[in-house]
Amino acid sequence: MPAFKPVYLIHGDDHGRIAERRAKLRALAEAEHGAGDVEIFEGETCTPEAIAAALSAMTFAMGRRFIVADGVEKWKEADVAPVAAAIAGMDPDATTVAFFAREEGRAKAPAALHKAVTAAGGTVAAEHAPKANELPGWVVEQGRALGLRLDVLAARALVARVGDRRQRLTRELEKLALELGSGATVTQETVEEATASSSERKFWTLTDALVAGDRVSAVRTLGELLEQGDRVPGLIYRMVTALRDAHGVAVALAAGQSPAQIKSGLRMPPFKADRMISAVRKRDVETYRGALELLADLECDSRGGVGLGATLSAETAAFRTVTAITS
């Protein structure tokens, strides 16, 4: 059975983490003592007067009584006096009260409440969201606690993919730990692939196949994308972007630039840049220039042009173009 303190104050600007702690406390209390012994005060009902009255009221409950006050960041310093007096007078062996403050700007838990909780032998815990420049380091530490080895690049990629909410980042790390197992090394490539949607993965497969000249993979993936509802104009944009990058790499290689120099100018993760450079080495500048011309014709035809492709459906013209690019 968990040992509960008489008073808790959980405050800070990490609202998601505070919500998790409230849910955990409530679940523990209900599991050990029953839902009937948990009283929730939130929103308009979470007033100093209501909490003071609840703490002072007599109860005939056999077990420990729990009072949750969610929203104390709205209280003023002068409002705390009756609550502090009620805390000092309550039976610590029979009652637990938990205060939650989702702080933002000037809305903070009153200092007087901090003092009252501390004086009663309670726990004051701050939950502050890491700053943007601290998040990658936090992700690395969280991953280590789950048995994963992440470097800073992988951590930055995870933040970029799923956002800066710690609970979301934790869920993604937990999923990686389950999929990869304890002791696994998580790279930037691992993160990109694990957090990408099914459509994104197909887009990557298509553009990689076009750059590498892999006709079988390109045609098959194009068919899958069209079947799931993607339209040719949107696919053209992605194909042009990838082949334009490939053309630039081919030009740079022909000019004698090193892979390191080329990577520094590419707006993509290092692992993708390495893969593109490796594929482009096997082809030449003219191949990619011709591919871009074919895509320009496809775009013109899909917008009502008068070329050969204009007599075909957009989907058929796309298949013909992809086949020509990968010949």
C-alpha atoms as a PDB file:
ATOM      1  CA  MET A   1       0.000   0.000   0.000  1.00  0.00           C
ATOM      2  CA  PRO A   2       1.496   3.406  -0.979  1.00  0.00           C
ATOM      3  CA  ALA A   3       2.320   5.800   1.850  1.00  0.00           C
ATOM      4  CA  PHE A   4       0.537   9.110   1.287  1.00  0.00           C
ATOM      5  CA  LYS A   5       1.701  12.459   2.633  1.00  0.00           C
ATOM      6  CA  PRO A   6      -0.961  14.651   4.249  1.00  0.00           C
ATOM      7  CA  VAL A   7      -0.519  17.472   1.712  1.00  0.00           C
ATOM      8  CA  TYR A   8       0.808  17.832  -1.817  1.00  0.00           C
ATOM      9  CA  LEU A   9       1.330  20.867  -3.998  1.00  0.00           C
ATOM     10  CA  ILE A  10       2.135  20.060  -7.636  1.00  0.00           C
ATOM     11  CA  HIS A  11       2.772  23.179  -9.678  1.00  0.00           C
ATOM     12  CA  GLY A  12       4.563  24.396 -12.800  1.00  0.00           C
ATOM     13  CA  ASP A  13       4.188  25.170 -16.481  1.00  0.00           C
ATOM     14  CA  ASP A  14       4.365  21.579 -17.749  1.00  0.00           C
ATOM     15  CA  HIS A  15       0.584  21.164 -17.807  1.00  0.00           C
ATOM     16  CA  GLY A  16       0.683  17.734 -19.372  1.00  0.00           C
ATOM     17  CA  ARG A  17       2.962  16.346 -16.688  1.00  0.00           C
ATOM     18  CA  ILE A  18       0.778  17.894 -13.973  1.00  0.00           C
ATOM     19  CA  ALA A  19      -2.303  16.243 -15.470  1.00  0.00           C
ATOM     20  CA  GLU A  20      -0.462  12.909 -15.451  1.00  0.00           C
ATOM     21  CA  ARG A  21       0.455  13.287 -11.785  1.00  0.00           C
ATOM     22  CA  ARG A  22      -3.112  14.166 -10.847  1.00  0.00           C
ATOM     23  CA  ALA A  23      -4.432  11.128 -12.728  1.00  0.00           C
ATOM     24  CA  LYS A  24      -1.862   8.864 -11.088  1.00  0.00           C
ATOM     25  CA  LEU A  25      -2.646  10.128  -7.578  1.00  0.00           C
ATOM     26  CA  ARG A  26      -6.364   9.704  -8.133  1.00  0.00           C
ATOM     27  CA  ALA A  27      -5.928   6.187  -9.528  1.00  0.00           C
ATOM     28  CA  LEU A  28      -3.772   5.146  -6.573  1.00  0.00           C
ATOM     29  CA  ALA A  29      -6.232   6.620  -4.094  1.00  0.00           C
ATOM     30  CA  GLU A  30      -9.232   4.924  -5.694  1.00  0.00           C
ATOM     31  CA  ALA A  31      -7.412   1.613  -5.979  1.00  0.00           C
ATOM     32  CA  GLU A  32      -6.439   1.590  -2.305  1.00  0.00           C
ATOM     33  CA  HIS A  33      -9.396   3.306  -0.659  1.00  0.00           C
ATOM     34  CA  GLY A  34     -12.254   3.363  -3.166  1.00  0.00           C
ATOM     35  CA  ALA A  35     -13.665   6.076  -5.418  1.00  0.00           C
ATOM     36  CA  GLY A  36     -16.057   7.234  -2.711  1.00  0.00           C
ATOM     37  CA  ASP A  37     -13.176   8.550  -0.608  1.00  0.00           C
ATOM     38  CA  VAL A  38     -11.881  10.895  -3.338  1.00  0.00           C
ATOM     39  CA  GLU A  39     -13.390  14.393  -3.580  1.00  0.00           C
ATOM     40  CA  ILE A  40     -12.575  16.482  -6.652  1.00  0.00           C
ATOM     41  CA  PHE A  41     -12.714  20.286  -6.712  1.00  0.00           C
ATOM     42  CA  GLU A  42     -11.902  21.880 -10.059  1.00  0.00           C
ATOM     43  CA  GLY A  43     -12.950  24.832 -12.193  1.00  0.00           C
ATOM     44  CA  GLU A  44     -15.429  27.085 -10.433  1.00  0.00           C
ATOM     45  CA  THR A  45     -15.749  24.667  -7.499  1.00  0.00           C
ATOM     46  CA  CYS A  46     -12.050  24.964  -6.616  1.00  0.00           C
ATOM     47  CA  THR A  47     -12.323  27.950  -4.283  1.00  0.00           C
ATOM     48  CA  PRO A  48     -10.423  28.550  -1.036  1.00  0.00           C
ATOM     49  CA  GLU A  49     -13.733  28.590   0.848  1.00  0.00           C
ATOM     50  CA  ALA A  50     -14.811  25.231  -0.579  1.00  0.00           C
ATOM     51  CA  ILE A  51     -11.486  23.570   0.203  1.00  0.00           C
ATOM     52  CA  ALA A  52     -11.359  25.005   3.729  1.00  0.00           C
ATOM     53  CA  ALA A  53     -14.905  23.786   4.388  1.00  0.00           C
ATOM     54  CA  ALA A  54     -14.106  20.308   3.017  1.00  0.00           C
ATOM     55  CA  LEU A  55     -10.987  20.020   5.174  1.00  0.00           C
ATOM     56  CA  SER A  56     -12.866  21.155   8.267  1.00  0.00           C
ATOM     57  CA  ALA A  57     -15.922  18.962   7.722  1.00  0.00           C
ATOM     58  CA  MET A  58     -16.361  15.879   9.856  1.00  0.00           C
ATOM     59  CA  THR A  59     -16.264  12.555   8.062  1.00  0.00           C
ATOM     60  CA  PHE A  60     -17.286   9.065   9.105  1.00  0.00           C
ATOM     61  CA  ALA A  61     -15.253   7.354   6.363  1.00  0.00           C
ATOM     62  CA  MET A  62     -13.298   4.347   7.581  1.00  0.00           C
ATOM     63  CA  GLY A  63     -10.254   4.844   5.350  1.00  0.00           C
ATOM     64  CA  ARG A  64      -8.119   7.762   4.279  1.00  0.00           C
ATOM     65  CA  ARG A  65      -9.986  10.637   2.694  1.00  0.00           C
ATOM     66  CA  PHE A  66      -8.577  12.379  -0.377  1.00  0.00           C
ATOM     67  CA  ILE A  67      -9.314  15.933  -1.516  1.00  0.00           C
ATOM     68  CA  VAL A  68      -8.071  17.119  -4.918  1.00  0.00           C
ATOM     69  CA  ALA A  69      -7.980  20.885  -5.511  1.00  0.00           C
ATOM     70  CA  ASP A  70      -7.172  21.530  -9.167  1.00  0.00           C
ATOM     71  CA  GLY A  71      -6.789  25.166 -10.229  1.00  0.00           C
ATOM     72  CA  VAL A  72      -5.130  26.885  -7.251  1.00  0.00           C
ATOM     73  CA  GLU A  73      -3.081  29.059  -9.604  1.00  0.00           C
ATOM     74  CA  LYS A  74      -6.182  31.301  -9.661  1.00  0.00           C
ATOM     75  CA  TRP A  75      -6.068  31.906  -5.916  1.00  0.00           C
ATOM     76  CA  LYS A  76      -4.749  35.132  -4.415  1.00  0.00           C
ATOM     77  CA  GLU A  77      -2.375  35.348  -1.471  1.00  0.00           C
ATOM     78  CA  ALA A  78      -5.085  36.721   0.830  1.00  0.00           C
ATOM     79  CA  ASP A  79      -7.369  33.769   0.004  1.00  0.00           C
ATOM     80  CA  VAL A  80      -5.034  31.161   1.456  1.00  0.00           C
ATOM     81  CA  ALA A  81      -5.409  31.952   5.204  1.00  0.00           C
ATOM     82  CA  PRO A  82      -8.533  29.819   5.861  1.00  0.00           C
ATOM     83  CA  VAL A  83      -7.072  26.927   3.852  1.00  0.00           C
ATOM     84  CA  ALA A  84      -3.779  27.119   5.750  1.00  0.00           C
ATOM     85  CA  ALA A  85      -5.666  27.058   9.065  1.00  0.00           C
ATOM     86  CA  ALA A  86      -7.698  24.036   7.916  1.00  0.00           C
ATOM     87  CA  ILE A  87      -4.536  22.203   6.821  1.00  0.00           C
ATOM     88  CA  ALA A  88      -2.928  22.848  10.202  1.00  0.00           C
ATOM     89  CA  GLY A  89      -5.996  21.499  11.994  1.00  0.00           C
ATOM     90  CA  MET A  90      -6.694  18.381   9.934  1.00  0.00           C
ATOM     91  CA  ASP A  91      -5.802  14.829  10.947  1.00  0.00           C
ATOM     92  CA  PRO A  92      -2.739  13.872   8.798  1.00  0.00           C
ATOM     93  CA  ASP A  93      -3.459  10.174   9.326  1.00  0.00           C
ATOM     94  CA  ALA A  94      -6.981  10.402   7.954  1.00  0.00           C
ATOM     95  CA  THR A  95      -6.854  13.031   5.186  1.00  0.00           C
ATOM     96  CA  THR A  96      -4.710  13.829   2.173  1.00  0.00           C
ATOM     97  CA  VAL A  97      -5.214  17.002   0.191  1.00  0.00           C
ATOM     98  CA  ALA A  98      -3.495  17.563  -3.161  1.00  0.00           C
ATOM     99  CA  PHE A  99      -3.275  21.010  -4.725  1.00  0.00           C
ATOM    100  CA  PHE A 100      -2.569  21.349  -8.461  1.00  0.00           C
ATOM    101  CA  ALA A 101      -1.502  24.588 -10.142  1.00  0.00           C
ATOM    102  CA  ARG A 102      -1.070  24.829 -13.917  1.00  0.00           C
ATOM    103  CA  GLU A 103       1.035  27.944 -13.953  1.00  0.00           C
ATOM    104  CA  GLU A 104       1.359  30.411 -16.788  1.00  0.00           C
ATOM    105  CA  GLY A 105       2.500  34.027 -16.730  1.00  0.00           C
ATOM    106  CA  ARG A 106       1.315  35.608 -13.495  1.00  0.00           C
ATOM    107  CA  ALA A 107      -1.043  32.762 -12.677  1.00  0.00           C
ATOM    108  CA  LYS A 108       0.916  30.868 -10.037  1.00  0.00           C
ATOM    109  CA  ALA A 109       0.282  28.964  -6.834  1.00  0.00           C
ATOM    110  CA  PRO A 110       0.343  31.558  -4.002  1.00  0.00           C
ATOM    111  CA  ALA A 111       3.486  31.695  -1.888  1.00  0.00           C
ATOM    112  CA  ALA A 112       1.301  31.394   1.218  1.00  0.00           C
ATOM    113  CA  LEU A 113       0.085  28.000  -0.025  1.00  0.00           C
ATOM    114  CA  HIS A 114       3.682  26.852  -0.507  1.00  0.00           C
ATOM    115  CA  LYS A 115       4.394  27.794   3.111  1.00  0.00           C
ATOM    116  CA  ALA A 116       1.267  26.083   4.445  1.00  0.00           C
ATOM    117  CA  VAL A 117       2.079  22.822   2.633  1.00  0.00           C
ATOM    118  CA  THR A 118       5.689  22.845   3.819  1.00  0.00           C
ATOM    119  CA  ALA A 119       4.664  23.651   7.411  1.00  0.00           C
ATOM    120  CA  ALA A 120       2.304  20.661   7.412  1.00  0.00           C
ATOM    121  CA  GLY A 121       5.104  18.296   6.375  1.00  0.00           C
ATOM    122  CA  GLY A 122       3.750  17.977   2.862  1.00  0.00           C
ATOM    123  CA  THR A 123       5.434  17.693  -0.526  1.00  0.00           C
ATOM    124  CA  VAL A 124       5.922  20.585  -2.940  1.00  0.00           C
ATOM    125  CA  ALA A 125       6.894  19.451  -6.439  1.00  0.00           C
ATOM    126  CA  ALA A 126       7.585  21.677  -9.431  1.00  0.00           C
ATOM    127  CA  GLU A 127       6.941  20.406 -12.944  1.00  0.00           C
ATOM    128  CA  HIS A 128       8.595  22.749 -15.419  1.00  0.00           C
ATOM    129  CA  ALA A 129       8.870  22.058 -19.120  1.00  0.00           C
ATOM    130  CA  PRO A 130      12.479  22.094 -20.356  1.00  0.00           C
ATOM    131  CA  LYS A 131      13.482  25.019 -22.538  1.00  0.00           C
ATOM    132  CA  ALA A 132      13.829  24.343 -26.249  1.00  0.00           C
ATOM    133  CA  ASN A 133      17.622  24.075 -26.098  1.00  0.00           C
ATOM    134  CA  GLU A 134      17.383  21.671 -23.154  1.00  0.00           C
ATOM    135  CA  LEU A 135      14.944  19.220 -24.716  1.00  0.00           C
ATOM    136  CA  PRO A 136      17.431  17.111 -26.720  1.00  0.00           C
ATOM    137  CA  GLY A 137      19.478  16.492 -23.570  1.00  0.00           C
ATOM    138  CA  TRP A 138      16.322  15.603 -21.669  1.00  0.00           C
ATOM    139  CA  VAL A 139      15.331  13.164 -24.432  1.00  0.00           C
ATOM    140  CA  VAL A 140      18.765  11.498 -24.263  1.00  0.00           C
ATOM    141  CA  GLU A 141      18.400  11.054 -20.487  1.00  0.00           C
ATOM    142  CA  GLN A 142      14.858   9.700 -20.769  1.00  0.00           C
ATOM    143  CA  GLY A 143      15.979   7.281 -23.432  1.00  0.00           C
ATOM    144  CA  ARG A 144      18.840   6.090 -21.234  1.00  0.00           C
ATOM    145  CA  ALA A 145      16.378   5.418 -18.401  1.00  0.00           C
ATOM    146  CA  LEU A 146      14.422   3.189 -20.821  1.00  0.00           C
ATOM    147  CA  GLY A 147      17.530   1.321 -21.930  1.00  0.00           C
ATOM    148  CA  LEU A 148      18.021   3.203 -25.212  1.00  0.00           C
ATOM    149  CA  ARG A 149      21.186   4.845 -26.495  1.00  0.00           C
ATOM    150  CA  LEU A 150      20.410   8.087 -28.348  1.00  0.00           C
ATOM    151  CA  ASP A 151      22.843  10.700 -29.571  1.00  0.00           C
ATOM    152  CA  VAL A 152      21.972  14.396 -29.762  1.00  0.00           C
ATOM    153  CA  LEU A 153      21.110  14.214 -33.477  1.00  0.00           C
ATOM    154  CA  ALA A 154      18.565  11.462 -32.829  1.00  0.00           C
ATOM    155  CA  ALA A 155      17.115  13.417 -29.905  1.00  0.00           C
ATOM    156  CA  ARG A 156      16.777  16.569 -32.003  1.00  0.00           C
ATOM    157  CA  ALA A 157      15.093  14.571 -34.753  1.00  0.00           C
ATOM    158  CA  LEU A 158      12.557  13.178 -32.287  1.00  0.00           C
ATOM    159  CA  VAL A 159      11.722  16.670 -30.988  1.00  0.00           C
ATOM    160  CA  ALA A 160      11.367  17.939 -34.558  1.00  0.00           C
ATOM    161  CA  ARG A 161       9.053  15.060 -35.486  1.00  0.00           C
ATOM    162  CA  VAL A 162       6.699  14.905 -32.491  1.00  0.00           C
ATOM    163  CA  GLY A 163       6.943  18.344 -30.859  1.00  0.00           C
ATOM    164  CA  ASP A 164       8.109  19.630 -27.492  1.00  0.00           C
ATOM    165  CA  ARG A 165       5.500  18.062 -25.190  1.00  0.00           C
ATOM    166  CA  ARG A 166       7.355  15.853 -22.750  1.00  0.00           C
ATOM    167  CA  GLN A 167       4.558  13.312 -22.369  1.00  0.00           C
ATOM    168  CA  ARG A 168       4.407  12.819 -26.164  1.00  0.00           C
ATOM    169  CA  LEU A 169       8.190  12.471 -26.332  1.00  0.00           C
ATOM    170  CA  THR A 170       8.096   9.949 -23.496  1.00  0.00           C
ATOM    171  CA  ARG A 171       5.415   7.899 -25.282  1.00  0.00           C
ATOM    172  CA  GLU A 172       7.504   7.804 -28.461  1.00  0.00           C
ATOM    173  CA  LEU A 173      10.584   6.732 -26.509  1.00  0.00           C
ATOM    174  CA  GLU A 174       8.568   3.998 -24.809  1.00  0.00           C
ATOM    175  CA  LYS A 175       7.383   2.762 -28.216  1.00  0.00           C
ATOM    176  CA  LEU A 176      10.968   2.691 -29.478  1.00  0.00           C
ATOM    177  CA  ALA A 177      12.055   0.761 -26.386  1.00  0.00           C
ATOM    178  CA  LEU A 178       9.327  -1.820 -26.974  1.00  0.00           C
ATOM    179  CA  GLU A 179      10.091  -2.155 -30.686  1.00  0.00           C
ATOM    180  CA  LEU A 180      13.886  -2.203 -30.467  1.00  0.00           C
ATOM    181  CA  GLY A 181      14.516  -3.751 -27.063  1.00  0.00           C
ATOM    182  CA  SER A 182      16.718  -2.724 -24.167  1.00  0.00           C
ATOM    183  CA  GLY A 183      20.230  -1.653 -25.094  1.00  0.00           C
ATOM    184  CA  ALA A 184      19.302  -0.629 -28.644  1.00  0.00           C
ATOM    185  CA  THR A 185      21.051   2.268 -30.333  1.00  0.00           C
ATOM    186  CA  VAL A 186      18.630   4.842 -31.755  1.00  0.00           C
ATOM    187  CA  THR A 187      19.958   6.867 -34.679  1.00  0.00           C
ATOM    188  CA  GLN A 188      18.477   9.816 -36.499  1.00  0.00           C
ATOM    189  CA  GLU A 189      17.438   7.430 -39.269  1.00  0.00           C
ATOM    190  CA  THR A 190      15.692   5.192 -36.734  1.00  0.00           C
ATOM    191  CA  VAL A 191      13.700   8.150 -35.430  1.00  0.00           C
ATOM    192  CA  GLU A 192      12.712   9.373 -38.891  1.00  0.00           C
ATOM    193  CA  GLU A 193      11.478   5.956 -39.952  1.00  0.00           C
ATOM    194  CA  ALA A 194       9.743   5.125 -36.659  1.00  0.00           C
ATOM    195  CA  THR A 195       7.783   8.379 -36.487  1.00  0.00           C
ATOM    196  CA  ALA A 196       6.894   8.695 -40.169  1.00  0.00           C
ATOM    197  CA  SER A 197       3.391   7.913 -41.324  1.00  0.00           C
ATOM    198  CA  SER A 198       2.731   5.162 -43.856  1.00  0.00           C
ATOM    199  CA  SER A 199       2.268   7.776 -46.608  1.00  0.00           C
ATOM    200  CA  GLU A 200       5.536   9.494 -45.743  1.00  0.00           C
ATOM    201  CA  ARG A 201       7.417   6.220 -45.945  1.00  0.00           C
ATOM    202  CA  LYS A 202       5.943   5.571 -49.376  1.00  0.00           C
ATOM    203  CA  PHE A 203       6.937   9.066 -50.542  1.00  0.00           C
ATOM    204  CA  TRP A 204      10.507   8.427 -49.406  1.00  0.00           C
ATOM    205  CA  THR A 205      10.538   5.052 -51.136  1.00  0.00           C
ATOM    206  CA  LEU A 206       9.300   6.601 -54.389  1.00  0.00           C
ATOM    207  CA  THR A 207      11.786   9.474 -54.430  1.00  0.00           C
ATOM    208  CA  ASP A 208      14.689   7.226 -53.379  1.00  0.00           C
ATOM    209  CA  ALA A 209      13.802   4.841 -56.205  1.00  0.00           C
ATOM    210  CA  LEU A 210      13.688   7.676 -58.738  1.00  0.00           C
ATOM    211  CA  VAL A 211      17.084   8.988 -57.641  1.00  0.00           C
ATOM    212  CA  ALA A 212      18.608   5.502 -57.709  1.00  0.00           C
ATOM    213  CA  GLY A 213      16.931   4.485 -60.987  1.00  0.00           C
ATOM    214  CA  ASP A 214      15.087   1.570 -59.394  1.00  0.00           C
ATOM    215  CA  ARG A 215      12.192   1.087 -61.836  1.00  0.00           C
ATOM    216  CA  VAL A 216      10.476  -1.820 -60.080  1.00  0.00           C
ATOM    217  CA  SER A 217      10.315  -0.041 -56.709  1.00  0.00           C
ATOM    218  CA  ALA A 218       9.334   3.313 -58.251  1.00  0.00           C
ATOM    219  CA  VAL A 219       6.443   1.908 -60.312  1.00  0.00           C
ATOM    220  CA  ARG A 220       5.141  -0.247 -57.468  1.00  0.00           C
ATOM    221  CA  THR A 221       5.257   2.609 -54.930  1.00  0.00           C
ATOM    222  CA  LEU A 222       3.644   5.063 -57.344  1.00  0.00           C
ATOM    223  CA  GLY A 223       0.777   2.610 -57.753  1.00  0.00           C
ATOM    224  CA  GLU A 224       0.371   2.287 -53.969  1.00  0.00           C
ATOM    225  CA  LEU A 225       0.295   6.066 -53.505  1.00  0.00           C
ATOM    226  CA  LEU A 226      -2.290   6.551 -56.250  1.00  0.00           C
ATOM    227  CA  GLU A 227      -4.380   3.706 -54.877  1.00  0.00           C
ATOM    228  CA  GLN A 228      -4.509   5.287 -51.423  1.00  0.00           C
ATOM    229  CA  GLY A 229      -5.785   8.546 -52.893  1.00  0.00           C
ATOM    230  CA  ASP A 230      -2.733  10.710 -53.540  1.00  0.00           C
ATOM    231  CA  ARG A 231      -3.064  12.934 -56.590  1.00  0.00           C
ATOM    232  CA  VAL A 232      -0.522  13.361 -59.356  1.00  0.00           C
ATOM    233  CA  PRO A 233       0.094  17.137 -58.880  1.00  0.00           C
ATOM    234  CA  GLY A 234       1.122  16.595 -55.256  1.00  0.00           C
ATOM    235  CA  LEU A 235       3.373  13.694 -56.214  1.00  0.00           C
ATOM    236  CA  ILE A 236       5.031  15.763 -58.932  1.00  0.00           C
ATOM    237  CA  TYR A 237       6.097  18.371 -56.380  1.00  0.00           C
ATOM    238  CA  ARG A 238       7.782  15.750 -54.193  1.00  0.00           C
ATOM    239  CA  MET A 239       9.452  14.056 -57.144  1.00  0.00           C
ATOM    240  CA  VAL A 240      10.765  17.350 -58.520  1.00  0.00           C
ATOM    241  CA  THR A 241      12.152  18.339 -55.113  1.00  0.00           C
ATOM    242  CA  ALA A 242      14.067  15.068 -54.752  1.00  0.00           C
ATOM    243  CA  LEU A 243      15.400  15.054 -58.318  1.00  0.00           C
ATOM    244  CA  ARG A 244      16.400  18.705 -58.106  1.00  0.00           C
ATOM    245  CA  ASP A 245      18.468  17.843 -55.033  1.00  0.00           C
ATOM    246  CA  ALA A 246      19.939  14.855 -56.866  1.00  0.00           C
ATOM    247  CA  HIS A 247      20.820  17.039 -59.865  1.00  0.00           C
ATOM    248  CA  GLY A 248      22.581  19.489 -57.555  1.00  0.00           C
ATOM    249  CA  VAL A 249      24.552  16.641 -55.982  1.00  0.00           C
ATOM    250  CA  ALA A 250      25.514  15.308 -59.421  1.00  0.00           C
ATOM    251  CA  VAL A 251      26.755  18.748 -60.481  1.00  0.00           C
ATOM    252  CA  ALA A 252      28.754  19.106 -57.264  1.00  0.00           C
ATOM    253  CA  LEU A 253      30.320  15.660 -57.670  1.00  0.00           C
ATOM    254  CA  ALA A 254      31.244  16.435 -61.262  1.00  0.00           C
ATOM    255  CA  ALA A 255      32.911  19.643 -60.048  1.00  0.00           C
ATOM    256  CA  GLY A 256      35.052  17.653 -57.629  1.00  0.00           C
ATOM    257  CA  GLN A 257      33.363  18.544 -54.349  1.00  0.00           C
ATOM    258  CA  SER A 258      33.753  16.119 -51.478  1.00  0.00           C
ATOM    259  CA  PRO A 259      30.740  14.370 -49.901  1.00  0.00           C
ATOM    260  CA  ALA A 260      31.278  16.415 -46.732  1.00  0.00           C
ATOM    261  CA  GLN A 261      31.042  19.674 -48.704  1.00  0.00           C
ATOM    262  CA  ILE A 262      27.920  18.478 -50.495  1.00  0.00           C
ATOM    263  CA  LYS A 263      26.187  17.320 -47.293  1.00  0.00           C
ATOM    264  CA  SER A 264      26.620  20.735 -45.696  1.00  0.00           C
ATOM    265  CA  GLY A 265      24.521  22.274 -48.456  1.00  0.00           C
ATOM    266  CA  LEU A 266      21.686  19.748 -48.404  1.00  0.00           C
ATOM    267  CA  ARG A 267      18.582  20.470 -46.341  1.00  0.00           C
ATOM    268  CA  MET A 268      18.004  16.944 -45.130  1.00  0.00           C
ATOM    269  CA  PRO A 269      19.159  14.676 -42.312  1.00  0.00           C
ATOM    270  CA  PRO A 270      22.734  13.398 -42.700  1.00  0.00           C
ATOM    271  CA  PHE A 271      21.660   9.794 -43.224  1.00  0.00           C
ATOM    272  CA  LYS A 272      19.410  10.839 -46.122  1.00  0.00           C
ATOM    273  CA  ALA A 273      22.197  12.952 -47.601  1.00  0.00           C
ATOM    274  CA  ASP A 274      24.595   9.995 -47.441  1.00  0.00           C
ATOM    275  CA  ARG A 275      22.042   7.779 -49.166  1.00  0.00           C
ATOM    276  CA  MET A 276      21.421  10.330 -51.915  1.00  0.00           C
ATOM    277  CA  ILE A 277      25.112  10.938 -52.586  1.00  0.00           C
ATOM    278  CA  SER A 278      25.727   7.199 -52.797  1.00  0.00           C
ATOM    279  CA  ALA A 279      22.886   6.772 -55.312  1.00  0.00           C
ATOM    280  CA  VAL A 280      23.846   9.803 -57.427  1.00  0.00           C
ATOM    281  CA  ARG A 281      27.436   8.571 -57.789  1.00  0.00           C
ATOM    282  CA  LYS A 282      26.089   5.718 -59.942  1.00  0.00           C
ATOM    283  CA  ARG A 283      24.391   8.060 -62.425  1.00  0.00           C
ATOM    284  CA  ASP A 284      25.290  11.409 -64.043  1.00  0.00           C
ATOM    285  CA  VAL A 285      24.232  15.037 -64.422  1.00  0.00           C
ATOM    286  CA  GLU A 286      22.461  14.514 -67.742  1.00  0.00           C
ATOM    287  CA  THR A 287      20.302  11.737 -66.279  1.00  0.00           C
ATOM    288  CA  TYR A 288      18.890  14.053 -63.639  1.00  0.00           C
ATOM    289  CA  ARG A 289      18.546  16.986 -66.024  1.00  0.00           C
ATOM    290  CA  GLY A 290      16.505  14.776 -68.327  1.00  0.00           C
ATOM    291  CA  ALA A 291      14.413  13.542 -65.403  1.00  0.00           C
ATOM    292  CA  LEU A 292      13.505  17.103 -64.437  1.00  0.00           C
ATOM    293  CA  GLU A 293      12.510  17.846 -68.045  1.00  0.00           C
ATOM    294  CA  LEU A 294      10.249  14.785 -68.058  1.00  0.00           C
ATOM    295  CA  LEU A 295       8.587  15.932 -64.841  1.00  0.00           C
ATOM    296  CA  ALA A 296       8.116  19.423 -66.279  1.00  0.00           C
ATOM    297  CA  ASP A 297       6.296  17.869 -69.255  1.00  0.00           C
ATOM    298  CA  LEU A 298       4.176  15.765 -66.890  1.00  0.00           C
ATOM    299  CA  GLU A 299       3.195  18.827 -64.891  1.00  0.00           C
ATOM    300  CA  CYS A 300       2.274  20.712 -68.059  1.00  0.00           C
ATOM    301  CA  ASP A 301       0.160  17.799 -69.304  1.00  0.00           C
ATOM    302  CA  SER A 302      -1.563  17.373 -65.935  1.00  0.00           C
ATOM    303  CA  ARG A 303      -2.584  21.035 -66.118  1.00  0.00           C
ATOM    304  CA  GLY A 304      -4.134  20.741 -69.561  1.00  0.00           C
ATOM    305  CA  GLY A 305      -1.093  20.901 -71.825  1.00  0.00           C
ATOM    306  CA  VAL A 306      -1.053  19.641 -75.406  1.00  0.00           C
ATOM    307  CA  GLY A 307       1.830  17.172 -75.284  1.00  0.00           C
ATOM    308  CA  LEU A 308       1.568  13.423 -75.788  1.00  0.00           C
ATOM    309  CA  GLY A 309       0.678  12.959 -72.135  1.00  0.00           C
ATOM    310  CA  ALA A 310      -2.334  15.265 -72.474  1.00  0.00           C
ATOM    311  CA  THR A 311      -4.223  12.497 -74.290  1.00  0.00           C
ATOM    312  CA  LEU A 312      -3.702  10.123 -71.345  1.00  0.00           C
ATOM    313  CA  SER A 313      -5.063  10.148 -67.837  1.00  0.00           C
ATOM    314  CA  ALA A 314      -2.814  11.899 -65.298  1.00  0.00           C
ATOM    315  CA  GLU A 315      -2.155   8.552 -63.604  1.00  0.00           C
ATOM    316  CA  THR A 316      -1.107   6.810 -66.836  1.00  0.00           C
ATOM    317  CA  ALA A 317       1.112   9.745 -67.782  1.00  0.00           C
ATOM    318  CA  ALA A 318       2.730   9.566 -64.333  1.00  0.00           C
ATOM    319  CA  PHE A 319       3.509   5.876 -64.772  1.00  0.00           C
ATOM    320  CA  ARG A 320       5.063   6.555 -68.190  1.00  0.00           C
ATOM    321  CA  THR A 321       7.170   9.382 -66.755  1.00  0.00           C
ATOM    322  CA  VAL A 322       8.419   7.345 -63.813  1.00  0.00           C
ATOM    323  CA  THR A 323       9.311   4.489 -66.138  1.00  0.00           C
ATOM    324  CA  ALA A 324      11.241   6.854 -68.418  1.00  0.00           C
ATOM    325  CA  ILE A 325      13.130   8.444 -65.492  1.00  0.00           C
ATOM    326  CA  THR A 326      14.256   5.065 -64.179  1.00  0.00           C
ATOM    327  CA  SER A 327      15.242   3.615 -67.598  1.00  0.00           C
END
